[in-house]
Amino acid sequence: MNPSKKDLNIRVMDIKDLLIAPPEDPLSDIDYIQSGEAALPRAIRYINQKEYKDISAINIYSPSLETDVTTLEKVRHMIHHYLHFQIKEDDRKMIVFKRNTARIFRNAVIFLVICMSIVTILGMESFLPNLPPLMRSVLVEGFTVVGWVIMWRPIELFMNQWTGLKLENRMYQQLLKAEIRVSSINE
């Protein structure tokens, strides 16, 4: 087996370490043991989001794993089960995200309309005719800025979180297509 640079290579001490976090050991020379985090989720988190499409294999290395067909099927089942769960979880997150973002966006638009209505009213000379021009200008500009600033959060949610969830979901789906290989570290 000749792993490419774009393969997802994971070194574990035991098969359970793929999905079950081991006790944290900062003195270990293995990253997932140092962090006390399960090996597969940790490895997936560090995949370059621009290169996930190029991953064609997930290579599992371990001194304790047998490289027989039964072990390979067990590892393949574990990884596929994990990836399917993550895809479902992302789908659920997207449903909740859509619902919450729609509410936030609706409220922000309502607030923007109110601010722009106030700007329109304050811009009329007949409204509060004794209001100094400088004060009128400050109020008009202030309500304009406040109205548009309120729109930042819904736009930021859409640009960052929505696209992040979609990209993560695509990455899990791509990893489902990857070949899974198991081998001994000593090979």
Protein backbone atom coordinates (compact mmCIF):
# COMPACT_ATOMS: atom_id res chain seq x y z
CA MET A 1 0.00 0.00 0.00
CA ASN A 2 1.37 3.35 -1.05
CA PRO A 3 -0.63 6.18 0.55
CA SER A 4 -0.82 9.42 -1.37
CA LYS A 5 -0.40 12.79 0.30
CA LYS A 6 -4.10 13.42 -0.18
CA ASP A 7 -5.22 10.23 1.56
CA LEU A 8 -6.57 10.57 5.09
CA ASN A 9 -3.98 8.72 7.18
CA ILE A 10 -4.88 7.83 10.77
CA ARG A 11 -2.61 6.09 13.25
CA VAL A 12 -4.38 4.41 16.19
CA MET A 13 -3.22 2.15 18.97
CA ASP A 14 -6.50 0.22 19.02
CA ILE A 15 -9.58 0.10 16.77
CA LYS A 16 -11.79 1.67 19.46
CA ASP A 17 -9.57 4.77 19.39
CA LEU A 18 -11.07 5.66 16.01
CA LEU A 19 -14.33 6.77 17.63
CA ILE A 20 -13.82 6.62 21.40
CA ALA A 21 -11.62 9.25 23.00
CA PRO A 22 -8.69 7.77 24.92
CA PRO A 23 -7.49 9.26 28.21
CA GLU A 24 -5.53 12.44 27.57
CA ASP A 25 -1.77 11.91 27.76
CA PRO A 26 0.28 15.02 26.90
CA LEU A 27 3.49 12.96 27.01
CA SER A 28 2.40 10.64 24.20
CA ASP A 29 3.89 11.02 20.74
CA ILE A 30 0.51 10.33 19.11
CA ASP A 31 -1.64 13.43 18.50
CA TYR A 32 -5.07 12.02 19.33
CA ILE A 33 -3.78 10.56 22.60
CA GLN A 34 -2.13 13.87 23.53
CA SER A 35 -5.44 15.67 23.01
CA GLY A 36 -7.62 12.93 24.50
CA GLU A 37 -9.83 13.06 21.41
CA ALA A 38 -11.06 10.21 19.18
CA ALA A 39 -8.77 9.76 16.16
CA LEU A 40 -11.31 9.83 13.28
CA PRO A 41 -13.19 13.05 14.20
CA ARG A 42 -9.85 14.73 14.96
CA ALA A 43 -8.40 13.71 11.58
CA ILE A 44 -11.52 14.83 9.72
CA ARG A 45 -11.50 18.21 11.47
CA TYR A 46 -8.01 18.91 10.14
CA ILE A 47 -8.77 18.08 6.52
CA ASN A 48 -8.04 21.06 4.30
CA GLN A 49 -11.48 22.19 3.18
CA LYS A 50 -10.22 22.85 -0.35
CA GLU A 51 -8.66 19.40 -0.76
CA TYR A 52 -11.32 17.09 0.68
CA LYS A 53 -12.53 16.26 -2.85
CA ASP A 54 -9.16 14.70 -3.63
CA ILE A 55 -9.25 12.19 -0.77
CA SER A 56 -9.62 8.75 -2.30
CA ALA A 57 -8.63 6.56 0.65
CA ILE A 58 -8.74 6.45 4.42
CA ASN A 59 -5.70 4.57 5.71
CA ILE A 60 -5.84 3.20 9.26
CA TYR A 61 -2.50 2.20 10.79
CA SER A 62 -2.27 0.32 14.06
CA PRO A 63 0.11 -2.12 15.71
CA SER A 64 -2.79 -4.02 17.29
CA LEU A 65 -5.07 -4.39 14.26
CA GLU A 66 -5.23 -7.58 12.31
CA THR A 67 -5.32 -6.92 8.59
CA ASP A 68 -7.84 -9.65 7.83
CA VAL A 69 -11.16 -9.24 6.02
CA THR A 70 -13.22 -9.30 9.24
CA THR A 71 -11.25 -6.43 10.78
CA LEU A 72 -11.42 -4.44 7.56
CA GLU A 73 -15.20 -4.87 7.41
CA LYS A 74 -15.54 -3.91 11.07
CA VAL A 75 -13.47 -0.74 10.53
CA ARG A 76 -15.32 0.06 7.30
CA HIS A 77 -18.67 -0.34 9.08
CA MET A 78 -17.53 1.89 11.99
CA ILE A 79 -16.34 4.65 9.68
CA HIS A 80 -19.40 4.52 7.42
CA HIS A 81 -21.73 4.48 10.42
CA TYR A 82 -19.94 7.53 11.86
CA LEU A 83 -20.02 9.42 8.54
CA HIS A 84 -23.73 8.67 7.96
CA PHE A 85 -24.51 9.89 11.47
CA GLN A 86 -22.57 13.12 10.85
CA ILE A 87 -24.45 13.70 7.58
CA LYS A 88 -27.80 13.24 9.37
CA GLU A 89 -26.65 15.52 12.17
CA ASP A 90 -25.63 18.22 9.67
CA ASP A 91 -29.04 17.87 7.97
CA ARG A 92 -30.72 18.41 11.33
CA LYS A 93 -28.49 21.40 12.06
CA MET A 94 -29.41 22.89 8.67
CA ILE A 95 -33.14 22.56 9.41
CA VAL A 96 -32.74 24.31 12.77
CA PHE A 97 -30.40 26.85 11.18
CA LYS A 98 -32.93 27.69 8.44
CA ARG A 99 -35.70 28.14 11.00
CA ASN A 100 -33.61 30.35 13.30
CA THR A 101 -32.06 32.35 10.47
CA ALA A 102 -35.46 33.00 8.89
CA ARG A 103 -36.68 34.42 12.21
CA ILE A 104 -33.53 36.53 12.67
CA PHE A 105 -33.69 37.78 9.07
CA ARG A 106 -37.41 38.63 9.37
CA ASN A 107 -36.82 40.62 12.56
CA ALA A 108 -33.82 42.42 11.04
CA VAL A 109 -35.82 43.39 7.93
CA ILE A 110 -38.69 44.65 10.09
CA PHE A 111 -36.23 46.72 12.13
CA LEU A 112 -34.60 48.04 8.93
CA VAL A 113 -38.02 49.06 7.56
CA ILE A 114 -38.82 50.85 10.83
CA CYS A 115 -35.46 52.67 10.75
CA MET A 116 -35.88 53.66 7.10
CA SER A 117 -39.42 54.88 7.85
CA ILE A 118 -38.04 57.03 10.67
CA VAL A 119 -35.35 58.32 8.29
CA THR A 120 -38.02 59.23 5.73
CA ILE A 121 -40.12 61.01 8.35
CA LEU A 122 -37.13 62.85 9.85
CA GLY A 123 -35.99 63.84 6.36
CA MET A 124 -39.20 65.81 5.76
CA GLU A 125 -38.76 69.48 6.66
CA SER A 126 -42.41 69.69 7.72
CA PHE A 127 -41.79 67.15 10.53
CA LEU A 128 -40.39 69.00 13.54
CA PRO A 129 -39.76 72.24 11.61
CA ASN A 130 -37.78 73.74 14.51
CA LEU A 131 -35.24 70.86 14.55
CA PRO A 132 -31.79 72.22 13.68
CA PRO A 133 -30.45 70.90 10.33
CA LEU A 134 -27.38 69.41 11.99
CA MET A 135 -29.52 67.45 14.47
CA ARG A 136 -31.83 66.32 11.67
CA SER A 137 -28.83 65.14 9.65
CA VAL A 138 -27.34 63.28 12.65
CA LEU A 139 -30.64 61.52 13.37
CA VAL A 140 -31.19 60.58 9.70
CA GLU A 141 -27.66 59.20 9.33
CA GLY A 142 -27.82 57.47 12.73
CA PHE A 143 -31.03 55.60 11.97
CA THR A 144 -29.72 54.70 8.51
CA VAL A 145 -26.55 53.20 9.96
CA VAL A 146 -28.35 51.39 12.79
CA GLY A 147 -30.88 49.91 10.37
CA TRP A 148 -28.21 48.50 8.06
CA VAL A 149 -25.93 47.35 10.89
CA ILE A 150 -28.76 45.17 12.18
CA MET A 151 -28.61 43.30 8.82
CA TRP A 152 -24.99 42.23 9.43
CA ARG A 153 -25.87 39.28 11.69
CA PRO A 154 -28.28 37.54 9.27
CA ILE A 155 -25.84 38.05 6.40
CA GLU A 156 -22.93 36.78 8.51
CA LEU A 157 -24.95 33.73 9.56
CA PHE A 158 -25.71 32.89 5.96
CA MET A 159 -22.20 33.54 4.66
CA ASN A 160 -20.31 31.69 7.40
CA GLN A 161 -22.45 29.08 9.11
CA TRP A 162 -24.67 27.97 6.23
CA THR A 163 -21.80 27.57 3.80
CA GLY A 164 -19.74 25.84 6.53
CA LEU A 165 -22.49 23.30 7.18
CA LYS A 166 -22.96 22.63 3.47
CA LEU A 167 -19.21 22.18 2.95
CA GLU A 168 -18.91 19.86 5.96
CA ASN A 169 -21.82 17.77 4.67
CA ARG A 170 -20.18 17.47 1.23
CA MET A 171 -16.92 16.45 2.86
CA TYR A 172 -18.60 13.62 4.80
CA GLN A 173 -20.31 12.45 1.62
CA GLN A 174 -16.97 12.44 -0.22
CA LEU A 175 -15.33 10.46 2.59
CA LEU A 176 -18.08 7.83 2.28
CA LYS A 177 -16.78 7.16 -1.24
CA ALA A 178 -13.17 6.76 -0.10
CA GLU A 179 -11.55 3.36 -0.01
CA ILE A 180 -10.79 2.21 3.54
CA ARG A 181 -7.51 0.44 4.14
CA VAL A 182 -6.22 -1.14 7.34
CA SER A 183 -2.60 -2.05 7.91
CA SER A 184 -0.11 -2.67 10.66
CA ILE A 185 2.24 0.17 11.56
CA ASN A 186 5.12 -2.26 11.15
CA GLU A 187 4.41 -2.64 7.39
